[in-house]
Amino acid sequence: SVSERVRLRVYEMFRVQDDPAIEDGGTRVRGDQSHIRNVFETGVNFDLMQYSNLDFLIRSMIKRYDDDDIAATSDEDALTGQLEHRHQLTRTLRSLASGSMALYSYESTATLDRDFTVATGTLGLENAFTANTIGSLVAGVQARDYAADNLDAEESPYVRLAIESLIGEAFSLGGSLGSGVRDSDVYP
Protein backbone atom coordinates (compact mmCIF):
# COMPACT_ATOMS: atom_id res chain seq x y z
CA SER A 1 0.00 0.00 0.00
CA VAL A 2 1.18 3.45 -0.90
CA SER A 3 -1.37 4.96 1.46
CA GLU A 4 -4.60 3.98 3.22
CA ARG A 5 -6.54 4.75 0.00
CA VAL A 6 -4.02 3.71 -2.72
CA ARG A 7 -2.67 0.22 -3.34
CA LEU A 8 -0.15 -0.92 -5.98
CA ARG A 9 0.30 -4.47 -7.23
CA VAL A 10 2.59 -6.42 -9.56
CA TYR A 11 1.97 -9.95 -10.86
CA GLU A 12 4.11 -12.18 -13.05
CA MET A 13 3.49 -15.72 -14.29
CA PHE A 14 5.87 -17.71 -16.48
CA ARG A 15 4.64 -21.06 -17.77
CA VAL A 16 6.39 -23.72 -19.84
CA GLN A 17 4.07 -26.22 -21.48
CA ASP A 18 5.54 -29.42 -22.87
CA ASP A 19 3.03 -30.77 -25.40
CA PRO A 20 4.96 -32.89 -27.96
CA ALA A 21 3.81 -33.92 -31.42
CA ILE A 22 1.50 -36.91 -31.77
CA GLU A 23 2.20 -39.60 -34.34
CA ASP A 24 0.01 -42.57 -35.21
CA GLY A 25 1.47 -45.35 -37.36
CA GLY A 26 4.23 -43.09 -38.69
CA THR A 27 1.77 -40.32 -39.61
CA ARG A 28 1.97 -37.01 -37.77
CA VAL A 29 -1.48 -36.32 -36.31
CA ARG A 30 -0.58 -33.06 -34.58
CA GLY A 31 2.52 -30.90 -34.48
CA ASP A 32 4.52 -30.01 -31.39
CA GLN A 33 2.37 -27.60 -29.33
CA SER A 34 5.07 -26.95 -26.70
CA HIS A 35 5.35 -23.28 -25.80
CA ILE A 36 6.19 -20.69 -23.19
CA ARG A 37 3.68 -18.13 -21.93
CA ASN A 38 4.62 -15.10 -19.85
CA VAL A 39 2.12 -12.71 -18.27
CA PHE A 40 3.14 -9.56 -16.46
CA GLU A 41 0.66 -7.12 -14.98
CA THR A 42 0.76 -4.08 -12.81
CA GLY A 43 -2.07 -2.08 -11.35
CA VAL A 44 -3.15 0.61 -8.98
CA ASN A 45 -6.32 0.64 -6.88
CA PHE A 46 -7.86 3.85 -5.48
CA ASP A 47 -10.57 4.26 -2.87
CA LEU A 48 -12.42 7.26 -4.31
CA MET A 49 -14.95 7.55 -1.51
CA GLN A 50 -16.06 5.37 1.39
CA TYR A 51 -18.11 3.07 -0.90
CA SER A 52 -16.44 3.64 -4.27
CA ASN A 53 -13.27 2.11 -5.71
CA LEU A 54 -11.35 2.57 -8.99
CA ASP A 55 -8.85 0.04 -10.36
CA PHE A 56 -6.42 0.53 -13.27
CA LEU A 57 -4.52 -2.43 -14.77
CA ILE A 58 -1.93 -2.92 -17.52
CA ARG A 59 -1.17 -6.49 -18.65
CA SER A 60 1.40 -7.81 -21.12
CA MET A 61 1.29 -11.39 -22.42
CA ILE A 62 3.63 -13.22 -24.79
CA LYS A 63 3.29 -16.75 -26.11
CA ARG A 64 6.08 -18.45 -28.09
CA TYR A 65 5.90 -21.94 -29.64
CA ASP A 66 8.93 -24.23 -29.99
CA ASP A 67 7.93 -25.58 -33.42
CA ASP A 68 8.79 -23.03 -36.14
CA ASP A 69 5.80 -23.96 -38.34
CA ILE A 70 3.33 -23.50 -35.48
CA ALA A 71 5.14 -20.39 -34.26
CA ALA A 72 4.68 -18.75 -37.66
CA THR A 73 0.90 -18.77 -37.18
CA SER A 74 0.40 -18.95 -33.41
CA ASP A 75 3.03 -16.85 -31.61
CA GLU A 76 1.12 -14.05 -29.90
CA ASP A 77 1.72 -10.75 -28.11
CA ALA A 78 -1.06 -8.95 -26.21
CA LEU A 79 -1.11 -5.65 -24.36
CA THR A 80 -4.22 -4.76 -22.33
CA GLY A 81 -5.29 -1.70 -20.38
CA GLN A 82 -8.37 -1.89 -18.12
CA LEU A 83 -10.23 0.55 -15.90
CA GLU A 84 -12.87 -0.76 -13.47
CA HIS A 85 -15.14 1.05 -11.02
CA ARG A 86 -16.83 -0.73 -8.09
CA HIS A 87 -19.48 0.89 -5.91
CA GLN A 88 -20.86 -0.70 -2.73
CA LEU A 89 -24.69 -0.71 -3.00
CA THR A 90 -25.51 -2.78 0.09
CA ARG A 91 -23.48 -4.74 2.63
CA THR A 92 -23.03 -7.64 0.15
CA LEU A 93 -23.82 -6.15 -3.30
CA ARG A 94 -21.57 -3.99 -5.52
CA SER A 95 -22.10 -2.47 -8.95
CA LEU A 96 -19.36 -2.86 -11.55
CA ALA A 97 -18.46 -0.72 -14.57
CA SER A 98 -15.46 -1.65 -16.68
CA GLY A 99 -13.73 -0.64 -19.89
CA SER A 100 -10.70 -2.21 -21.53
CA MET A 101 -8.61 -2.06 -24.69
CA ALA A 102 -6.48 -5.00 -25.82
CA LEU A 103 -3.97 -4.97 -28.69
CA TYR A 104 -3.11 -8.39 -30.16
CA SER A 105 -0.11 -8.94 -32.44
CA TYR A 106 0.70 -11.99 -34.54
CA GLU A 107 3.24 -12.85 -37.19
CA SER A 108 1.87 -11.41 -40.43
CA THR A 109 2.45 -12.51 -43.99
CA ALA A 110 3.45 -10.26 -46.88
CA THR A 111 -0.22 -9.95 -47.92
CA LEU A 112 -2.06 -10.24 -44.60
CA ASP A 113 -1.82 -8.18 -41.40
CA ARG A 114 -3.22 -10.38 -38.60
CA ASP A 115 -3.13 -7.84 -35.74
CA PHE A 116 -6.38 -6.67 -34.15
CA THR A 117 -7.74 -4.59 -31.28
CA VAL A 118 -10.60 -5.49 -28.92
CA ALA A 119 -12.43 -2.82 -26.91
CA THR A 120 -14.83 -3.98 -24.19
CA GLY A 121 -17.32 -2.05 -22.06
CA THR A 122 -19.39 -3.77 -19.35
CA LEU A 123 -21.79 -3.13 -16.48
CA GLY A 124 -22.60 -5.68 -13.82
CA LEU A 125 -23.20 -6.74 -10.25
CA GLU A 126 -21.01 -8.55 -7.75
CA ASN A 127 -22.44 -10.26 -4.67
CA ALA A 128 -20.77 -11.71 -1.57
CA PHE A 129 -22.81 -14.84 -0.87
CA THR A 130 -20.66 -15.67 2.16
CA ALA A 131 -17.55 -14.17 3.70
CA ASN A 132 -15.48 -16.42 1.40
CA THR A 133 -17.64 -16.70 -1.77
CA ILE A 134 -18.19 -13.96 -4.35
CA GLY A 135 -20.17 -14.18 -7.58
CA SER A 136 -20.55 -11.70 -10.42
CA LEU A 137 -22.58 -11.17 -13.57
CA VAL A 138 -21.42 -8.65 -16.16
CA ALA A 139 -22.79 -7.78 -19.58
CA GLY A 140 -21.77 -5.32 -22.23
CA VAL A 141 -20.37 -5.02 -25.72
CA GLN A 142 -17.09 -5.87 -27.42
CA ALA A 143 -15.80 -4.27 -30.61
CA ARG A 144 -13.04 -5.83 -32.66
CA ASP A 145 -11.07 -3.86 -35.24
CA TYR A 146 -8.64 -5.54 -37.62
CA ALA A 147 -5.41 -4.03 -38.88
CA ALA A 148 -6.10 -5.66 -42.28
CA ASP A 149 -7.94 -3.24 -44.57
CA ASN A 150 -10.00 -6.01 -46.19
CA LEU A 151 -11.69 -7.04 -42.90
CA ASP A 152 -14.56 -5.06 -41.41
CA ALA A 153 -14.74 -4.13 -37.75
CA GLU A 154 -17.40 -5.98 -35.76
CA GLU A 155 -19.30 -5.72 -32.50
CA SER A 156 -20.91 -8.40 -30.39
CA PRO A 157 -22.54 -8.77 -26.97
CA TYR A 158 -20.34 -9.76 -24.07
CA VAL A 159 -21.49 -11.63 -20.96
CA ARG A 160 -19.64 -13.34 -18.10
CA LEU A 161 -20.89 -15.20 -15.03
CA ALA A 162 -18.21 -15.96 -12.41
CA ILE A 163 -17.93 -17.37 -8.92
CA GLU A 164 -14.90 -17.64 -6.65
CA SER A 165 -14.53 -19.13 -3.20
CA LEU A 166 -11.62 -18.90 -0.79
CA ILE A 167 -11.09 -22.47 0.41
CA GLY A 168 -8.06 -21.85 2.62
CA GLU A 169 -5.53 -19.13 3.36
CA ALA A 170 -3.59 -19.79 0.16
CA PHE A 171 -6.15 -21.63 -1.98
CA SER A 172 -9.15 -20.33 -3.90
CA LEU A 173 -11.42 -22.13 -6.32
CA GLY A 174 -13.32 -20.36 -9.05
CA GLY A 175 -15.03 -20.73 -12.36
CA SER A 176 -16.60 -18.61 -15.04
CA LEU A 177 -18.75 -18.87 -18.13
CA GLY A 178 -18.60 -16.20 -20.77
CA SER A 179 -19.22 -15.25 -24.34
CA GLY A 180 -17.52 -12.59 -26.43
CA VAL A 181 -15.04 -12.02 -29.25
CA ARG A 182 -11.38 -12.80 -28.72
CA ASP A 183 -9.45 -14.73 -31.33
CA SER A 184 -8.66 -13.31 -34.73
CA ASP A 185 -10.53 -14.60 -37.75
CA VAL A 186 -7.39 -13.86 -39.76
CA TYR A 187 -5.37 -17.00 -40.32
CA PRO A 188 -2.73 -17.35 -43.05
C-alpha atoms as a PDB file:
ATOM      1  CA  SER A   1       0.000   0.000   0.000  1.00  0.00           C
ATOM      2  CA  VAL A   2       1.175   3.452  -0.897  1.00  0.00           C
ATOM      3  CA  SER A   3      -1.375   4.957   1.462  1.00  0.00           C
ATOM      4  CA  GLU A   4      -4.597   3.984   3.217  1.00  0.00           C
ATOM      5  CA  ARG A   5      -6.538   4.752   0.000  1.00  0.00           C
ATOM      6  CA  VAL A   6      -4.024   3.713  -2.719  1.00  0.00           C
ATOM      7  CA  ARG A   7      -2.669   0.224  -3.337  1.00  0.00           C
ATOM      8  CA  LEU A   8      -0.146  -0.917  -5.982  1.00  0.00           C
ATOM      9  CA  ARG A   9       0.300  -4.473  -7.233  1.00  0.00           C
ATOM     10  CA  VAL A  10       2.589  -6.424  -9.559  1.00  0.00           C
ATOM     11  CA  TYR A  11       1.968  -9.951 -10.856  1.00  0.00           C
ATOM     12  CA  GLU A  12       4.109 -12.181 -13.053  1.00  0.00           C
ATOM     13  CA  MET A  13       3.489 -15.724 -14.293  1.00  0.00           C
ATOM     14  CA  PHE A  14       5.865 -17.715 -16.477  1.00  0.00           C
ATOM     15  CA  ARG A  15       4.642 -21.063 -17.766  1.00  0.00           C
ATOM     16  CA  VAL A  16       6.391 -23.716 -19.838  1.00  0.00           C
ATOM     17  CA  GLN A  17       4.067 -26.220 -21.481  1.00  0.00           C
ATOM     18  CA  ASP A  18       5.543 -29.422 -22.867  1.00  0.00           C
ATOM     19  CA  ASP A  19       3.034 -30.773 -25.398  1.00  0.00           C
ATOM     20  CA  PRO A  20       4.956 -32.885 -27.961  1.00  0.00           C
ATOM     21  CA  ALA A  21       3.815 -33.919 -31.416  1.00  0.00           C
ATOM     22  CA  ILE A  22       1.497 -36.910 -31.772  1.00  0.00           C
ATOM     23  CA  GLU A  23       2.202 -39.597 -34.342  1.00  0.00           C
ATOM     24  CA  ASP A  24       0.007 -42.567 -35.213  1.00  0.00           C
ATOM     25  CA  GLY A  25       1.466 -45.353 -37.363  1.00  0.00           C
ATOM     26  CA  GLY A  26       4.231 -43.094 -38.690  1.00  0.00           C
ATOM     27  CA  THR A  27       1.775 -40.320 -39.612  1.00  0.00           C
ATOM     28  CA  ARG A  28       1.971 -37.010 -37.774  1.00  0.00           C
ATOM     29  CA  VAL A  29      -1.477 -36.322 -36.306  1.00  0.00           C
ATOM     30  CA  ARG A  30      -0.583 -33.065 -34.578  1.00  0.00           C
ATOM     31  CA  GLY A  31       2.519 -30.900 -34.480  1.00  0.00           C
ATOM     32  CA  ASP A  32       4.519 -30.009 -31.388  1.00  0.00           C
ATOM     33  CA  GLN A  33       2.369 -27.599 -29.328  1.00  0.00           C
ATOM     34  CA  SER A  34       5.073 -26.955 -26.695  1.00  0.00           C
ATOM     35  CA  HIS A  35       5.347 -23.276 -25.798  1.00  0.00           C
ATOM     36  CA  ILE A  36       6.194 -20.688 -23.185  1.00  0.00           C
ATOM     37  CA  ARG A  37       3.681 -18.127 -21.930  1.00  0.00           C
ATOM     38  CA  ASN A  38       4.619 -15.104 -19.854  1.00  0.00           C
ATOM     39  CA  VAL A  39       2.117 -12.714 -18.270  1.00  0.00           C
ATOM     40  CA  PHE A  40       3.141  -9.555 -16.456  1.00  0.00           C
ATOM     41  CA  GLU A  41       0.660  -7.122 -14.980  1.00  0.00           C
ATOM     42  CA  THR A  42       0.758  -4.078 -12.807  1.00  0.00           C
ATOM     43  CA  GLY A  43      -2.074  -2.079 -11.354  1.00  0.00           C
ATOM     44  CA  VAL A  44      -3.154   0.611  -8.978  1.00  0.00           C
ATOM     45  CA  ASN A  45      -6.318   0.638  -6.878  1.00  0.00           C
ATOM     46  CA  PHE A  46      -7.857   3.851  -5.476  1.00  0.00           C
ATOM     47  CA  ASP A  47     -10.571   4.263  -2.865  1.00  0.00           C
ATOM     48  CA  LEU A  48     -12.423   7.255  -4.310  1.00  0.00           C
ATOM     49  CA  MET A  49     -14.949   7.549  -1.508  1.00  0.00           C
ATOM     50  CA  GLN A  50     -16.064   5.369   1.386  1.00  0.00           C
ATOM     51  CA  TYR A  51     -18.114   3.072  -0.903  1.00  0.00           C
ATOM     52  CA  SER A  52     -16.443   3.644  -4.271  1.00  0.00           C
ATOM     53  CA  ASN A  53     -13.275   2.110  -5.709  1.00  0.00           C
ATOM     54  CA  LEU A  54     -11.354   2.570  -8.988  1.00  0.00           C
ATOM     55  CA  ASP A  55      -8.846   0.036 -10.359  1.00  0.00           C
ATOM     56  CA  PHE A  56      -6.420   0.526 -13.274  1.00  0.00           C
ATOM     57  CA  LEU A  57      -4.520  -2.430 -14.769  1.00  0.00           C
ATOM     58  CA  ILE A  58      -1.926  -2.919 -17.521  1.00  0.00           C
ATOM     59  CA  ARG A  59      -1.168  -6.494 -18.650  1.00  0.00           C
ATOM     60  CA  SER A  60       1.395  -7.810 -21.120  1.00  0.00           C
ATOM     61  CA  MET A  61       1.288 -11.393 -22.424  1.00  0.00           C
ATOM     62  CA  ILE A  62       3.632 -13.224 -24.793  1.00  0.00           C
ATOM     63  CA  LYS A  63       3.292 -16.754 -26.109  1.00  0.00           C
ATOM     64  CA  ARG A  64       6.076 -18.453 -28.088  1.00  0.00           C
ATOM     65  CA  TYR A  65       5.902 -21.937 -29.638  1.00  0.00           C
ATOM     66  CA  ASP A  66       8.927 -24.230 -29.985  1.00  0.00           C
ATOM     67  CA  ASP A  67       7.933 -25.584 -33.423  1.00  0.00           C
ATOM     68  CA  ASP A  68       8.791 -23.029 -36.144  1.00  0.00           C
ATOM     69  CA  ASP A  69       5.804 -23.958 -38.341  1.00  0.00           C
ATOM     70  CA  ILE A  70       3.327 -23.500 -35.478  1.00  0.00           C
ATOM     71  CA  ALA A  71       5.145 -20.394 -34.261  1.00  0.00           C
ATOM     72  CA  ALA A  72       4.681 -18.749 -37.665  1.00  0.00           C
ATOM     73  CA  THR A  73       0.896 -18.771 -37.185  1.00  0.00           C
ATOM     74  CA  SER A  74       0.398 -18.948 -33.407  1.00  0.00           C
ATOM     75  CA  ASP A  75       3.030 -16.848 -31.613  1.00  0.00           C
ATOM     76  CA  GLU A  76       1.115 -14.048 -29.898  1.00  0.00           C
ATOM     77  CA  ASP A  77       1.717 -10.746 -28.105  1.00  0.00           C
ATOM     78  CA  ALA A  78      -1.061  -8.954 -26.212  1.00  0.00           C
ATOM     79  CA  LEU A  79      -1.110  -5.645 -24.358  1.00  0.00           C
ATOM     80  CA  THR A  80      -4.223  -4.760 -22.328  1.00  0.00           C
ATOM     81  CA  GLY A  81      -5.290  -1.695 -20.376  1.00  0.00           C
ATOM     82  CA  GLN A  82      -8.366  -1.888 -18.122  1.00  0.00           C
ATOM     83  CA  LEU A  83     -10.226   0.553 -15.898  1.00  0.00           C
ATOM     84  CA  GLU A  84     -12.871  -0.763 -13.475  1.00  0.00           C
ATOM     85  CA  HIS A  85     -15.145   1.048 -11.022  1.00  0.00           C
ATOM     86  CA  ARG A  86     -16.833  -0.732  -8.088  1.00  0.00           C
ATOM     87  CA  HIS A  87     -19.476   0.894  -5.911  1.00  0.00           C
ATOM     88  CA  GLN A  88     -20.860  -0.705  -2.727  1.00  0.00           C
ATOM     89  CA  LEU A  89     -24.693  -0.708  -2.995  1.00  0.00           C
ATOM     90  CA  THR A  90     -25.505  -2.780   0.087  1.00  0.00           C
ATOM     91  CA  ARG A  91     -23.483  -4.739   2.635  1.00  0.00           C
ATOM     92  CA  THR A  92     -23.033  -7.637   0.151  1.00  0.00           C
ATOM     93  CA  LEU A  93     -23.819  -6.146  -3.301  1.00  0.00           C
ATOM     94  CA  ARG A  94     -21.573  -3.992  -5.518  1.00  0.00           C
ATOM     95  CA  SER A  95     -22.098  -2.466  -8.951  1.00  0.00           C
ATOM     96  CA  LEU A  96     -19.356  -2.856 -11.548  1.00  0.00           C
ATOM     97  CA  ALA A  97     -18.459  -0.718 -14.567  1.00  0.00           C
ATOM     98  CA  SER A  98     -15.463  -1.651 -16.683  1.00  0.00           C
ATOM     99  CA  GLY A  99     -13.726  -0.640 -19.886  1.00  0.00           C
ATOM    100  CA  SER A 100     -10.702  -2.210 -21.532  1.00  0.00           C
ATOM    101  CA  MET A 101      -8.614  -2.057 -24.687  1.00  0.00           C
ATOM    102  CA  ALA A 102      -6.475  -4.997 -25.818  1.00  0.00           C
ATOM    103  CA  LEU A 103      -3.975  -4.968 -28.688  1.00  0.00           C
ATOM    104  CA  TYR A 104      -3.113  -8.386 -30.159  1.00  0.00           C
ATOM    105  CA  SER A 105      -0.106  -8.936 -32.439  1.00  0.00           C
ATOM    106  CA  TYR A 106       0.695 -11.989 -34.541  1.00  0.00           C
ATOM    107  CA  GLU A 107       3.238 -12.850 -37.187  1.00  0.00           C
ATOM    108  CA  SER A 108       1.872 -11.410 -40.430  1.00  0.00           C
ATOM    109  CA  THR A 109       2.449 -12.513 -43.987  1.00  0.00           C
ATOM    110  CA  ALA A 110       3.445 -10.257 -46.882  1.00  0.00           C
ATOM    111  CA  THR A 111      -0.220  -9.951 -47.921  1.00  0.00           C
ATOM    112  CA  LEU A 112      -2.064 -10.236 -44.599  1.00  0.00           C
ATOM    113  CA  ASP A 113      -1.818  -8.176 -41.401  1.00  0.00           C
ATOM    114  CA  ARG A 114      -3.217 -10.380 -38.601  1.00  0.00           C
ATOM    115  CA  ASP A 115      -3.131  -7.840 -35.743  1.00  0.00           C
ATOM    116  CA  PHE A 116      -6.377  -6.675 -34.149  1.00  0.00           C
ATOM    117  CA  THR A 117      -7.735  -4.589 -31.283  1.00  0.00           C
ATOM    118  CA  VAL A 118     -10.595  -5.493 -28.924  1.00  0.00           C
ATOM    119  CA  ALA A 119     -12.430  -2.816 -26.910  1.00  0.00           C
ATOM    120  CA  THR A 120     -14.834  -3.979 -24.189  1.00  0.00           C
ATOM    121  CA  GLY A 121     -17.319  -2.053 -22.057  1.00  0.00           C
ATOM    122  CA  THR A 122     -19.394  -3.767 -19.347  1.00  0.00           C
ATOM    123  CA  LEU A 123     -21.789  -3.133 -16.480  1.00  0.00           C
ATOM    124  CA  GLY A 124     -22.599  -5.680 -13.824  1.00  0.00           C
ATOM    125  CA  LEU A 125     -23.198  -6.744 -10.253  1.00  0.00           C
ATOM    126  CA  GLU A 126     -21.005  -8.555  -7.749  1.00  0.00           C
ATOM    127  CA  ASN A 127     -22.444 -10.264  -4.668  1.00  0.00           C
ATOM    128  CA  ALA A 128     -20.766 -11.706  -1.574  1.00  0.00           C
ATOM    129  CA  PHE A 129     -22.810 -14.840  -0.872  1.00  0.00           C
ATOM    130  CA  THR A 130     -20.664 -15.673   2.163  1.00  0.00           C
ATOM    131  CA  ALA A 131     -17.547 -14.167   3.699  1.00  0.00           C
ATOM    132  CA  ASN A 132     -15.481 -16.421   1.395  1.00  0.00           C
ATOM    133  CA  THR A 133     -17.635 -16.702  -1.772  1.00  0.00           C
ATOM    134  CA  ILE A 134     -18.192 -13.960  -4.351  1.00  0.00           C
ATOM    135  CA  GLY A 135     -20.174 -14.185  -7.585  1.00  0.00           C
ATOM    136  CA  SER A 136     -20.550 -11.699 -10.419  1.00  0.00           C
ATOM    137  CA  LEU A 137     -22.584 -11.172 -13.573  1.00  0.00           C
ATOM    138  CA  VAL A 138     -21.420  -8.648 -16.163  1.00  0.00           C
ATOM    139  CA  ALA A 139     -22.790  -7.782 -19.581  1.00  0.00           C
ATOM    140  CA  GLY A 140     -21.771  -5.322 -22.234  1.00  0.00           C
ATOM    141  CA  VAL A 141     -20.372  -5.024 -25.719  1.00  0.00           C
ATOM    142  CA  GLN A 142     -17.093  -5.872 -27.422  1.00  0.00           C
ATOM    143  CA  ALA A 143     -15.805  -4.272 -30.606  1.00  0.00           C
ATOM    144  CA  ARG A 144     -13.044  -5.828 -32.663  1.00  0.00           C
ATOM    145  CA  ASP A 145     -11.074  -3.856 -35.244  1.00  0.00           C
ATOM    146  CA  TYR A 146      -8.638  -5.539 -37.618  1.00  0.00           C
ATOM    147  CA  ALA A 147      -5.408  -4.029 -38.877  1.00  0.00           C
ATOM    148  CA  ALA A 148      -6.095  -5.656 -42.275  1.00  0.00           C
ATOM    149  CA  ASP A 149      -7.938  -3.237 -44.575  1.00  0.00           C
ATOM    150  CA  ASN A 150      -9.998  -6.009 -46.186  1.00  0.00           C
ATOM    151  CA  LEU A 151     -11.685  -7.035 -42.900  1.00  0.00           C
ATOM    152  CA  ASP A 152     -14.559  -5.065 -41.412  1.00  0.00           C
ATOM    153  CA  ALA A 153     -14.740  -4.134 -37.754  1.00  0.00           C
ATOM    154  CA  GLU A 154     -17.395  -5.977 -35.757  1.00  0.00           C
ATOM    155  CA  GLU A 155     -19.298  -5.717 -32.501  1.00  0.00           C
ATOM    156  CA  SER A 156     -20.909  -8.396 -30.386  1.00  0.00           C
ATOM    157  CA  PRO A 157     -22.542  -8.770 -26.974  1.00  0.00           C
ATOM    158  CA  TYR A 158     -20.343  -9.760 -24.067  1.00  0.00           C
ATOM    159  CA  VAL A 159     -21.493 -11.632 -20.957  1.00  0.00           C
ATOM    160  CA  ARG A 160     -19.644 -13.342 -18.104  1.00  0.00           C
ATOM    161  CA  LEU A 161     -20.887 -15.202 -15.030  1.00  0.00           C
ATOM    162  CA  ALA A 162     -18.215 -15.965 -12.413  1.00  0.00           C
ATOM    163  CA  ILE A 163     -17.933 -17.371  -8.917  1.00  0.00           C
ATOM    164  CA  GLU A 164     -14.896 -17.637  -6.646  1.00  0.00           C
ATOM    165  CA  SER A 165     -14.532 -19.130  -3.198  1.00  0.00           C
ATOM    166  CA  LEU A 166     -11.624 -18.900  -0.790  1.00  0.00           C
ATOM    167  CA  ILE A 167     -11.088 -22.468   0.409  1.00  0.00           C
ATOM    168  CA  GLY A 168      -8.059 -21.846   2.624  1.00  0.00           C
ATOM    169  CA  GLU A 169      -5.532 -19.125   3.361  1.00  0.00           C
ATOM    170  CA  ALA A 170      -3.585 -19.786   0.161  1.00  0.00           C
ATOM    171  CA  PHE A 171      -6.147 -21.629  -1.982  1.00  0.00           C
ATOM    172  CA  SER A 172      -9.147 -20.335  -3.899  1.00  0.00           C
ATOM    173  CA  LEU A 173     -11.422 -22.131  -6.318  1.00  0.00           C
ATOM    174  CA  GLY A 174     -13.324 -20.360  -9.050  1.00  0.00           C
ATOM    175  CA  GLY A 175     -15.030 -20.733 -12.359  1.00  0.00           C
ATOM    176  CA  SER A 176     -16.596 -18.607 -15.038  1.00  0.00           C
ATOM    177  CA  LEU A 177     -18.755 -18.868 -18.131  1.00  0.00           C
ATOM    178  CA  GLY A 178     -18.597 -16.200 -20.768  1.00  0.00           C
ATOM    179  CA  SER A 179     -19.222 -15.252 -24.339  1.00  0.00           C
ATOM    180  CA  GLY A 180     -17.524 -12.586 -26.434  1.00  0.00           C
ATOM    181  CA  VAL A 181     -15.042 -12.020 -29.249  1.00  0.00           C
ATOM    182  CA  ARG A 182     -11.381 -12.802 -28.720  1.00  0.00           C
ATOM    183  CA  ASP A 183      -9.454 -14.730 -31.330  1.00  0.00           C
ATOM    184  CA  SER A 184      -8.660 -13.311 -34.727  1.00  0.00           C
ATOM    185  CA  ASP A 185     -10.527 -14.604 -37.751  1.00  0.00           C
ATOM    186  CA  VAL A 186      -7.393 -13.856 -39.756  1.00  0.00           C
ATOM    187  CA  TYR A 187      -5.373 -17.004 -40.324  1.00  0.00           C
ATOM    188  CA  PRO A 188      -2.735 -17.348 -43.048  1.00  0.00           C
END
